[in-house]
Amino acid sequence: SSAFTAMSTQTVKVYFPGSGYASTSTLNVFPTVSRGFQISDINSAFGSVMGGNILSIKGFGFDPSKPTKHSVVLTAVGFNGLSDYDLLLQSLGFPIYTKIAPQQLINCSVITVNYTEITCLVPPHAVAYQNLTYSVSVTLNNINAACFSLNNCSYIQNVLNTPIITSSSIQSVSNAGEYTVSIQGTLLDRGALQIYVGAVKCVVSSVVSAISNGKAVQTVVFSTPSLVAGKWAIIGNVAGVGQTMSKATLTVSAVVTSTTFETNLGSYLGGTFFTISGYGFSPICSQNLILFTVSQYANKFFVANITEFQYCTTTTVIAQTPSLYTILSGPTLKILPTTPDVTLTSMTLTVVANSTADSRTIFTQSNFAYSIFYTPLIAPNVTSGVSGTAINFLVFSSFAAINIPNEITINKTVCRTVAKKSLPPFTKYNNKAYNFTVSVDCIAPSLPAASKAYGIQVYVKPVGYASLPYLRDTIP
């Protein structure tokens, strides 16, 4: 009955029509029935030496209202556990020095509980355990369940019940980086099969068994979603048996199909958006290492790292060009209005995941260059202010960006724009016209400390970040 809980005694009422309820030999006392807290059967009784099996423990007295109060422990036969002395030391908070191997004592993670069944997961592990027989115990409220029969409270893991993946081969790769893979192995048809590449679940399309050298061998075909570049283990789980022992891996490469810049000429301070398309990229942007190599006059080459990303998936990386200002400015090399364009000669994308790296060099063939003239200028009309008050800027741009500037930040905190006013073109700088001049008011944000200088960053779409003027006397 679903009314029974651990170590329960229940009243039994028997009603006779026309007579009423029956009692025991003692008048006015209802009969009762009691049943102990016990395990009657374990299913499955055999599993993989790699763990990952789900056990169904049949019995009586389990309490579904307190699932977290149940614990299931597998103890290797022959291992007697901690001594009373060790248990005393442990309870008092002292260290114990008895060494317990991981395979000697396994906590089976409880999944579900009802009155007559507990299911739990034998944790999977990367290293195969030896062939062992375990006694299974269930504890609830510090009470151990009795075993209906010792044979019915055992779980055996051995190599004979371990599915094995022996080899793999790539059949095809889609334009989105989705792989179709074939693997071979044994015992892969013992139950419903799940395949993972790394931690990514795949879709199994077929499992075909055939006899090879007198032994049944399975060929499994599965497909992956778009994956991150790297060398990944192929791991399976067979229902009723557990995790596979695997000797197979899948090597995923980063492939770049195109690189596009929002504009071909951008700001020296960086910020121009570009998109890399392909597959094998990491959705964790910091794992996509992008290195710019640029050429400057006199055959000088400089390198810069990408630090600003907008969006990353396995097939797309959207980032912003790095600033060259600090790289090209120095004691012997000054950025001046006459400084020529700096051409991007190549880009290297390295995807670093699961301790492996896969690099691809992208030759852009001068698709992008840093340009002094296309670098927007900013002239703040104040150099100090109070949080919550308006600050005025003049912004000069060569691009027809109606809403310039697109964003102003102070110490990486947004300075909220409250007014914009277009002004006549500014033509005095380097004898070239900055066709779009805008007066902007924004509300100074709250900043951590007073009387401290904070950097101002103005983004003008699509060229990138604005610079302070190099020749201040040319500002009207």
Protein backbone atom coordinates (compact mmCIF):
# COMPACT_ATOMS: atom_id res chain seq x y z
CA SER A 1 0.00 0.00 0.00
CA SER A 2 1.21 3.54 -0.73
CA ALA A 3 0.43 4.42 2.89
CA PHE A 4 3.45 2.46 4.19
CA THR A 5 6.65 4.32 5.11
CA ALA A 6 9.91 3.22 6.71
CA MET A 7 9.50 0.90 9.72
CA SER A 8 5.75 1.48 9.77
CA THR A 9 2.93 -0.21 11.64
CA GLN A 10 -0.50 0.24 10.08
CA THR A 11 -3.99 -0.35 11.43
CA VAL A 12 -6.09 -2.84 9.48
CA LYS A 13 -9.85 -2.32 9.46
CA VAL A 14 -12.11 -5.16 8.30
CA TYR A 15 -15.77 -4.25 7.87
CA PHE A 16 -18.60 -6.80 7.85
CA PRO A 17 -21.85 -5.48 6.38
CA GLY A 18 -24.61 -5.54 8.97
CA SER A 19 -22.13 -6.30 11.79
CA GLY A 20 -19.50 -3.56 11.77
CA TYR A 21 -15.71 -3.59 12.16
CA ALA A 22 -13.80 -6.65 13.29
CA SER A 23 -11.44 -6.48 16.28
CA THR A 24 -8.67 -8.67 17.69
CA SER A 25 -9.20 -11.08 20.56
CA THR A 26 -8.84 -8.02 22.74
CA LEU A 27 -12.07 -6.12 22.35
CA ASN A 28 -11.93 -2.60 20.92
CA VAL A 29 -8.40 -3.12 19.51
CA PHE A 30 -7.99 -3.07 15.75
CA PRO A 31 -5.56 -5.55 14.19
CA THR A 32 -2.29 -4.14 12.77
CA VAL A 33 0.26 -5.19 10.18
CA SER A 34 3.94 -4.26 10.26
CA ARG A 35 6.60 -4.52 7.68
CA GLY A 36 10.33 -3.73 7.93
CA PHE A 37 12.58 -1.45 5.91
CA GLN A 38 14.15 -3.72 3.31
CA ILE A 39 15.75 -4.24 -0.13
CA SER A 40 14.32 -7.06 -2.17
CA ASP A 41 16.02 -6.74 -5.58
CA ILE A 42 18.63 -4.79 -7.61
CA ASN A 43 18.19 -4.20 -11.32
CA SER A 44 20.43 -4.27 -13.23
CA ALA A 45 22.71 -6.49 -11.22
CA PHE A 46 25.64 -6.10 -13.66
CA GLY A 47 27.28 -3.03 -15.14
CA SER A 48 30.24 -1.28 -16.69
CA VAL A 49 33.62 -0.80 -15.01
CA MET A 50 33.31 2.83 -16.19
CA GLY A 51 30.22 3.51 -14.06
CA GLY A 52 27.33 5.52 -15.50
CA ASN A 53 24.72 2.82 -14.85
CA ILE A 54 21.30 3.56 -13.36
CA LEU A 55 20.27 1.09 -10.66
CA SER A 56 16.67 0.28 -9.80
CA ILE A 57 16.46 -0.81 -6.15
CA LYS A 58 13.22 -2.56 -5.26
CA GLY A 59 12.11 -2.87 -1.68
CA PHE A 60 9.83 -1.46 0.97
CA GLY A 61 9.75 1.46 3.38
CA PHE A 62 11.23 4.15 1.18
CA ASP A 63 9.83 7.64 1.74
CA PRO A 64 9.06 9.73 -1.37
CA SER A 65 8.33 12.77 0.82
CA LYS A 66 12.01 12.84 1.86
CA PRO A 67 14.04 11.90 -1.23
CA THR A 68 17.15 13.78 -0.08
CA LYS A 69 17.19 11.83 3.21
CA HIS A 70 17.98 8.59 1.38
CA SER A 71 21.54 7.53 0.67
CA VAL A 72 22.64 4.60 -1.46
CA VAL A 73 26.16 3.27 -1.02
CA LEU A 74 27.98 0.54 -2.93
CA THR A 75 30.64 -1.12 -0.78
CA ALA A 76 33.18 -3.43 -2.39
CA VAL A 77 32.90 -6.95 -0.95
CA GLY A 78 35.87 -7.49 1.33
CA PHE A 79 36.15 -3.81 2.26
CA ASN A 80 35.08 -3.33 5.86
CA GLY A 81 34.92 0.44 5.78
CA LEU A 82 36.29 2.75 8.45
CA SER A 83 37.09 1.39 11.88
CA ASP A 84 35.18 2.60 14.92
CA TYR A 85 38.29 4.53 15.93
CA ASP A 86 38.45 6.30 12.55
CA LEU A 87 34.76 7.10 12.75
CA LEU A 88 35.28 8.61 16.21
CA LEU A 89 38.19 10.73 15.00
CA GLN A 90 36.14 11.85 12.00
CA SER A 91 33.17 12.82 14.17
CA LEU A 92 35.46 14.90 16.41
CA GLY A 93 36.90 16.73 13.41
CA PHE A 94 40.33 15.08 13.47
CA PRO A 95 42.03 13.86 10.29
CA ILE A 96 42.02 10.16 9.49
CA TYR A 97 44.75 8.42 7.55
CA THR A 98 43.00 5.28 6.38
CA LYS A 99 43.23 5.27 2.60
CA ILE A 100 39.99 4.45 0.78
CA ALA A 101 40.32 3.76 -2.93
CA PRO A 102 37.55 5.38 -5.05
CA GLN A 103 36.34 1.97 -6.23
CA GLN A 104 35.96 0.61 -2.67
CA LEU A 105 33.15 2.92 -1.62
CA ILE A 106 30.79 4.49 -4.18
CA ASN A 107 27.93 6.87 -3.46
CA CYS A 108 25.12 6.13 -5.90
CA SER A 109 23.37 9.47 -6.57
CA VAL A 110 19.63 9.17 -5.84
CA ILE A 111 17.44 10.13 -8.83
CA THR A 112 13.88 9.14 -7.86
CA VAL A 113 12.13 7.68 -4.79
CA ASN A 114 8.72 6.09 -4.31
CA TYR A 115 7.49 3.75 -1.59
CA THR A 116 8.82 0.60 -3.24
CA GLU A 117 11.64 1.75 -5.54
CA ILE A 118 14.72 3.97 -5.56
CA THR A 119 16.70 4.73 -8.70
CA CYS A 120 20.26 6.02 -8.48
CA LEU A 121 23.19 6.76 -10.78
CA VAL A 122 26.51 5.01 -10.35
CA PRO A 123 28.81 7.97 -11.10
CA PRO A 124 30.79 7.65 -14.34
CA HIS A 125 34.56 7.97 -14.19
CA ALA A 126 37.40 8.38 -16.66
CA VAL A 127 39.49 5.45 -15.40
CA ALA A 128 38.25 1.85 -15.49
CA TYR A 129 37.79 0.17 -12.10
CA GLN A 130 38.74 -3.46 -11.66
CA ASN A 131 36.14 -6.23 -11.66
CA LEU A 132 34.36 -5.93 -8.31
CA THR A 133 31.25 -7.15 -6.52
CA TYR A 134 29.46 -4.59 -4.35
CA SER A 135 26.93 -4.87 -1.58
CA VAL A 136 24.21 -2.23 -1.93
CA SER A 137 22.88 -0.45 1.15
CA VAL A 138 20.09 2.09 1.54
CA THR A 139 19.93 4.41 4.53
CA LEU A 140 17.00 6.58 5.61
CA ASN A 141 17.02 8.64 8.80
CA ASN A 142 20.16 6.77 9.95
CA ILE A 143 18.35 3.43 9.58
CA ASN A 144 19.86 0.83 7.24
CA ALA A 145 17.49 -1.19 5.08
CA ALA A 146 17.58 -4.92 5.71
CA CYS A 147 18.46 -7.25 2.85
CA PHE A 148 15.70 -9.70 1.92
CA SER A 149 18.39 -11.94 0.47
CA LEU A 150 22.14 -11.31 0.27
CA ASN A 151 22.11 -12.36 -3.37
CA ASN A 152 19.46 -9.72 -4.08
CA CYS A 153 21.57 -6.87 -2.63
CA SER A 154 24.61 -7.25 -4.87
CA TYR A 155 25.86 -5.27 -7.85
CA ILE A 156 28.70 -6.54 -10.05
CA GLN A 157 30.79 -4.45 -12.40
CA ASN A 158 33.17 -6.20 -14.78
CA VAL A 159 34.76 -5.88 -18.19
CA LEU A 160 32.47 -8.55 -19.65
CA ASN A 161 29.54 -6.16 -19.11
CA THR A 162 31.36 -3.04 -20.30
CA PRO A 163 30.52 -1.61 -23.74
CA ILE A 164 33.63 -0.57 -25.65
CA ILE A 165 34.16 1.92 -28.50
CA THR A 166 37.19 0.77 -30.44
CA SER A 167 37.49 3.17 -33.42
CA SER A 168 35.91 6.12 -35.20
CA SER A 169 35.93 7.74 -38.62
CA ILE A 170 34.49 10.99 -40.00
CA GLN A 171 31.97 10.49 -42.80
CA SER A 172 31.15 14.12 -43.59
CA VAL A 173 31.23 17.71 -42.30
CA SER A 174 28.53 20.26 -43.11
CA ASN A 175 29.11 23.95 -43.84
CA ALA A 176 27.93 24.63 -40.31
CA GLY A 177 30.53 22.31 -38.78
CA GLU A 178 28.13 19.45 -38.04
CA TYR A 179 29.96 16.12 -38.20
CA THR A 180 28.61 12.74 -39.24
CA VAL A 181 30.73 10.07 -37.58
CA SER A 182 30.88 6.28 -37.66
CA ILE A 183 32.15 4.32 -34.65
CA GLN A 184 32.74 0.63 -34.06
CA GLY A 185 32.60 -1.28 -30.80
CA THR A 186 31.08 -4.08 -28.74
CA LEU A 187 27.99 -4.32 -26.49
CA LEU A 188 26.72 -1.06 -27.96
CA ASP A 189 23.34 -2.68 -28.69
CA ARG A 190 22.57 -3.91 -25.16
CA GLY A 191 20.19 -1.00 -24.53
CA ALA A 192 19.26 2.50 -25.68
CA LEU A 193 22.50 4.19 -26.75
CA GLN A 194 23.50 7.80 -26.14
CA ILE A 195 26.67 9.27 -27.66
CA TYR A 196 28.58 12.34 -26.45
CA VAL A 197 31.50 14.15 -28.04
CA GLY A 198 33.12 15.76 -25.05
CA ALA A 199 30.06 16.92 -23.11
CA VAL A 200 27.94 17.54 -26.24
CA LYS A 201 25.05 15.13 -26.81
CA CYS A 202 24.77 13.75 -30.33
CA VAL A 203 21.99 12.12 -32.39
CA VAL A 204 22.34 8.40 -33.09
CA SER A 205 20.92 7.49 -36.50
CA SER A 206 21.74 3.78 -36.74
CA VAL A 207 23.16 0.83 -34.81
CA VAL A 208 24.04 -2.22 -36.92
CA SER A 209 25.46 -5.43 -35.47
CA ALA A 210 27.53 -7.96 -37.41
CA ILE A 211 29.78 -10.91 -36.61
CA SER A 212 33.51 -10.24 -37.00
CA ASN A 213 36.08 -12.94 -36.09
CA GLY A 214 33.39 -14.80 -34.21
CA LYS A 215 32.37 -11.78 -32.11
CA ALA A 216 29.41 -9.42 -32.41
CA VAL A 217 30.60 -5.95 -33.40
CA GLN A 218 28.37 -2.89 -33.73
CA THR A 219 28.72 -0.02 -36.18
CA VAL A 220 27.03 3.17 -34.98
CA VAL A 221 26.46 6.28 -37.08
CA PHE A 222 25.72 9.55 -35.29
CA SER A 223 25.68 13.26 -36.05
CA THR A 224 26.92 16.15 -33.94
CA PRO A 225 25.81 19.74 -33.60
CA SER A 226 28.37 22.39 -34.53
CA LEU A 227 31.43 21.74 -32.35
CA VAL A 228 34.35 23.70 -30.94
CA ALA A 229 37.79 22.99 -32.41
CA GLY A 230 39.88 20.54 -30.42
CA LYS A 231 40.44 16.87 -29.76
CA TRP A 232 37.37 15.43 -28.04
CA ALA A 233 36.70 12.01 -26.51
CA ILE A 234 33.77 10.04 -27.94
CA ILE A 235 31.83 8.58 -25.00
CA GLY A 236 28.72 6.42 -25.03
CA ASN A 237 26.20 5.30 -22.45
CA VAL A 238 24.17 2.11 -22.89
CA ALA A 239 20.96 1.92 -20.84
CA GLY A 240 21.07 -0.86 -18.26
CA VAL A 241 24.85 -1.26 -18.57
CA GLY A 242 26.49 2.15 -18.18
CA GLN A 243 29.29 4.18 -19.69
CA THR A 244 31.50 2.91 -22.48
CA MET A 245 35.19 2.33 -22.31
CA SER A 246 36.39 4.44 -25.24
CA LYS A 247 39.51 4.39 -27.35
CA ALA A 248 38.08 6.82 -29.94
CA THR A 249 38.37 10.58 -30.33
CA LEU A 250 37.09 13.19 -32.76
CA THR A 251 39.45 15.95 -33.91
CA VAL A 252 37.52 19.10 -34.85
CA SER A 253 39.26 21.82 -36.86
CA ALA A 254 38.55 25.54 -37.01
CA VAL A 255 37.63 26.53 -40.57
CA VAL A 256 37.26 30.16 -41.71
CA THR A 257 35.07 30.70 -44.76
CA SER A 258 34.93 34.52 -44.79
CA THR A 259 36.01 37.67 -42.96
CA THR A 260 34.09 40.91 -43.48
CA PHE A 261 34.69 44.37 -42.03
CA GLU A 262 31.92 46.89 -41.45
CA THR A 263 34.08 49.41 -43.30
CA ASN A 264 37.38 49.11 -45.16
CA LEU A 265 38.92 52.14 -43.40
CA GLY A 266 38.67 52.46 -39.64
CA SER A 267 39.83 54.35 -36.61
CA TYR A 268 43.38 54.22 -35.30
CA LEU A 269 41.84 53.68 -31.86
CA GLY A 270 40.11 50.53 -33.06
CA GLY A 271 36.48 49.63 -32.52
CA THR A 272 35.61 48.80 -36.15
CA PHE A 273 33.37 45.72 -36.14
CA PHE A 274 34.32 42.68 -38.19
CA THR A 275 32.77 39.23 -38.59
CA ILE A 276 34.57 35.92 -38.98
CA SER A 277 32.37 33.15 -40.40
CA GLY A 278 33.08 29.43 -40.55
CA TYR A 279 32.96 26.72 -37.92
CA GLY A 280 34.92 25.26 -35.05
CA PHE A 281 34.92 28.54 -33.08
CA SER A 282 34.23 28.68 -29.36
CA PRO A 283 31.07 30.31 -27.96
CA ILE A 284 33.31 31.41 -25.06
CA CYS A 285 34.86 34.48 -26.68
CA SER A 286 38.03 34.40 -24.58
CA GLN A 287 38.88 31.01 -26.13
CA ASN A 288 39.07 32.62 -29.60
CA LEU A 289 42.50 34.24 -29.72
CA ILE A 290 42.70 36.67 -32.65
CA LEU A 291 46.00 38.29 -33.59
CA PHE A 292 46.25 41.22 -36.03
CA THR A 293 49.42 41.71 -38.06
CA VAL A 294 49.62 45.14 -39.68
CA SER A 295 52.15 46.81 -41.95
CA GLN A 296 53.27 50.39 -41.54
CA TYR A 297 55.54 52.44 -43.78
CA ALA A 298 59.24 51.53 -44.04
CA ASN A 299 58.33 47.83 -44.02
CA LYS A 300 57.64 47.85 -40.29
CA PHE A 301 55.19 45.27 -38.96
CA PHE A 302 53.23 45.39 -35.71
CA VAL A 303 51.02 42.91 -33.92
CA ALA A 304 47.91 43.52 -31.80
CA ASN A 305 45.52 41.24 -29.89
CA ILE A 306 41.74 41.41 -30.08
CA THR A 307 40.24 42.17 -26.67
CA GLU A 308 36.73 43.38 -27.51
CA PHE A 309 34.14 40.83 -28.65
CA GLN A 310 30.45 41.38 -29.26
CA TYR A 311 29.22 37.87 -30.04
CA CYS A 312 30.64 34.36 -30.37
CA THR A 313 29.15 31.05 -31.50
CA THR A 314 30.68 27.93 -33.02
CA THR A 315 30.11 29.43 -36.49
CA THR A 316 30.45 33.20 -36.00
CA VAL A 317 32.77 35.57 -34.16
CA ILE A 318 31.95 39.30 -34.12
CA ALA A 319 34.66 41.48 -32.63
CA GLN A 320 36.16 44.96 -32.82
CA THR A 321 39.55 45.92 -34.21
CA PRO A 322 42.22 46.66 -31.58
CA SER A 323 43.70 50.11 -31.03
CA LEU A 324 47.02 50.85 -32.72
CA TYR A 325 47.54 54.12 -30.90
CA THR A 326 49.64 52.73 -28.07
CA ILE A 327 51.49 50.37 -30.43
CA LEU A 328 52.52 52.93 -33.05
CA SER A 329 53.12 55.89 -30.71
CA GLY A 330 56.51 56.00 -29.05
CA PRO A 331 59.70 57.96 -28.65
CA THR A 332 60.75 57.44 -32.26
CA LEU A 333 57.39 57.02 -34.00
CA LYS A 334 54.69 59.65 -33.63
CA ILE A 335 51.14 59.61 -34.98
CA LEU A 336 50.65 62.80 -36.93
CA PRO A 337 48.00 64.06 -39.37
CA THR A 338 50.33 62.98 -42.16
CA THR A 339 50.76 59.42 -40.84
CA PRO A 340 49.80 57.06 -43.68
CA ASP A 341 47.21 54.33 -43.50
CA VAL A 342 48.24 51.16 -41.69
CA THR A 343 47.21 48.06 -43.64
CA LEU A 344 46.03 44.84 -42.07
CA THR A 345 48.13 42.14 -43.73
CA SER A 346 46.90 39.02 -41.93
CA MET A 347 44.86 37.75 -39.06
CA THR A 348 45.45 34.59 -37.04
CA LEU A 349 42.58 32.86 -35.22
CA THR A 350 43.53 30.31 -32.58
CA VAL A 351 40.76 28.39 -30.83
CA VAL A 352 41.92 27.14 -27.43
CA ALA A 353 39.60 24.62 -25.77
CA ASN A 354 40.04 21.45 -23.66
CA SER A 355 43.82 22.12 -23.43
CA THR A 356 44.28 21.95 -27.22
CA ALA A 357 44.84 24.73 -29.72
CA ASP A 358 43.85 24.92 -33.38
CA SER A 359 45.16 27.89 -35.40
CA ARG A 360 44.11 29.33 -38.74
CA THR A 361 45.82 32.28 -40.45
CA ILE A 362 43.45 34.45 -42.45
CA PHE A 363 45.08 36.52 -45.18
CA THR A 364 42.93 39.57 -45.79
CA GLN A 365 44.83 40.97 -48.83
CA SER A 366 44.45 44.57 -47.60
CA ASN A 367 40.70 44.36 -47.00
CA PHE A 368 41.08 46.73 -44.07
CA ALA A 369 43.34 49.60 -43.08
CA TYR A 370 43.63 51.95 -40.13
CA SER A 371 43.25 55.54 -41.32
CA ILE A 372 44.11 58.79 -39.56
CA PHE A 373 41.53 60.70 -41.58
CA TYR A 374 38.78 58.19 -40.84
CA THR A 375 39.55 58.35 -37.13
CA PRO A 376 36.74 60.44 -35.55
CA LEU A 377 37.77 63.29 -33.25
CA ILE A 378 36.31 64.32 -29.92
CA ALA A 379 36.74 67.66 -28.16
CA PRO A 380 35.22 67.84 -24.65
CA ASN A 381 34.25 71.39 -23.70
CA VAL A 382 34.78 70.57 -20.02
CA THR A 383 37.45 68.54 -18.25
CA SER A 384 35.60 67.99 -14.98
CA GLY A 385 32.03 67.62 -13.81
CA VAL A 386 29.61 66.27 -11.23
CA SER A 387 27.68 63.03 -11.44
CA GLY A 388 24.20 63.65 -12.80
CA THR A 389 25.09 66.87 -14.65
CA ALA A 390 25.44 67.40 -18.41
CA ILE A 391 28.82 67.26 -20.16
CA ASN A 392 29.25 68.74 -23.65
CA PHE A 393 31.39 67.24 -26.45
CA LEU A 394 32.13 68.11 -30.05
CA VAL A 395 32.46 65.04 -32.28
CA PHE A 396 33.94 65.21 -35.81
CA SER A 397 33.45 62.41 -38.32
CA SER A 398 34.04 61.81 -42.04
CA PHE A 399 31.13 59.36 -42.21
CA ALA A 400 27.47 60.16 -42.78
CA ALA A 401 26.43 58.74 -39.42
CA ILE A 402 23.22 60.60 -38.64
CA ASN A 403 23.19 59.55 -34.99
CA ILE A 404 26.87 60.10 -34.22
CA PRO A 405 28.16 59.42 -31.69
CA ASN A 406 26.52 56.03 -31.14
CA GLU A 407 27.76 55.58 -27.58
CA ILE A 408 29.73 57.56 -25.01
CA THR A 409 31.24 55.86 -21.98
CA ILE A 410 33.28 57.27 -19.10
CA ASN A 411 35.32 54.66 -17.22
CA LYS A 412 33.34 52.06 -19.25
CA THR A 413 30.07 53.41 -17.80
CA VAL A 414 27.48 54.79 -20.24
CA CYS A 415 27.15 58.56 -20.32
CA ARG A 416 23.48 58.89 -21.29
CA THR A 417 22.97 61.19 -24.30
CA VAL A 418 20.30 63.86 -23.75
CA ALA A 419 20.89 66.26 -26.67
CA LYS A 420 22.52 66.29 -30.13
CA LYS A 421 22.95 69.21 -32.49
CA SER A 422 24.50 69.17 -35.96
CA LEU A 423 27.05 71.89 -36.71
CA PRO A 424 28.68 73.07 -39.98
CA PRO A 425 31.43 70.85 -41.42
CA PHE A 426 34.90 71.28 -39.96
CA THR A 427 37.55 71.69 -42.69
CA LYS A 428 40.66 73.03 -40.98
CA TYR A 429 42.09 69.76 -39.79
CA ASN A 430 44.79 68.49 -42.15
CA ASN A 431 43.06 70.44 -44.97
CA LYS A 432 40.41 67.73 -45.13
CA ALA A 433 36.74 68.08 -44.39
CA TYR A 434 35.18 66.34 -41.43
CA ASN A 435 31.75 66.52 -43.02
CA PHE A 436 29.78 65.73 -39.88
CA THR A 437 30.20 67.75 -36.71
CA VAL A 438 27.86 67.14 -33.78
CA SER A 439 27.53 68.84 -30.42
CA VAL A 440 26.51 66.26 -27.82
CA ASP A 441 25.32 66.58 -24.22
CA CYS A 442 25.38 63.52 -21.97
CA ILE A 443 24.69 63.02 -18.27
CA ALA A 444 27.83 62.17 -16.29
CA PRO A 445 27.47 58.77 -14.64
CA SER A 446 28.24 57.97 -11.03
CA LEU A 447 31.91 57.01 -10.75
CA PRO A 448 33.85 55.31 -7.93
CA ALA A 449 36.11 58.15 -6.81
CA ALA A 450 36.12 61.95 -6.86
CA SER A 451 38.94 64.15 -8.19
CA LYS A 452 40.23 61.38 -10.44
CA ALA A 453 40.77 61.45 -14.20
CA TYR A 454 38.66 58.93 -16.13
CA GLY A 455 38.98 57.89 -19.75
CA ILE A 456 36.30 58.97 -22.21
CA GLN A 457 35.40 56.59 -25.03
CA VAL A 458 33.20 57.69 -27.93
CA TYR A 459 32.09 55.11 -30.51
CA VAL A 460 31.14 56.32 -34.00
CA LYS A 461 29.57 53.67 -36.23
CA PRO A 462 31.02 52.17 -38.37
CA VAL A 463 34.61 53.45 -38.15
CA GLY A 464 35.22 52.90 -34.43
CA TYR A 465 36.43 54.93 -31.47
CA ALA A 466 37.11 58.67 -31.53
CA SER A 467 40.42 60.28 -30.58
CA LEU A 468 41.29 63.56 -28.94
CA PRO A 469 42.60 65.98 -31.61
CA TYR A 470 46.30 65.76 -32.30
CA LEU A 471 46.55 69.48 -33.19
CA ARG A 472 44.40 71.18 -30.56
CA ASP A 473 44.82 74.67 -32.05
CA THR A 474 42.84 73.66 -35.13
CA ILE A 475 39.64 73.15 -33.13
CA PRO A 476 37.37 76.21 -33.58
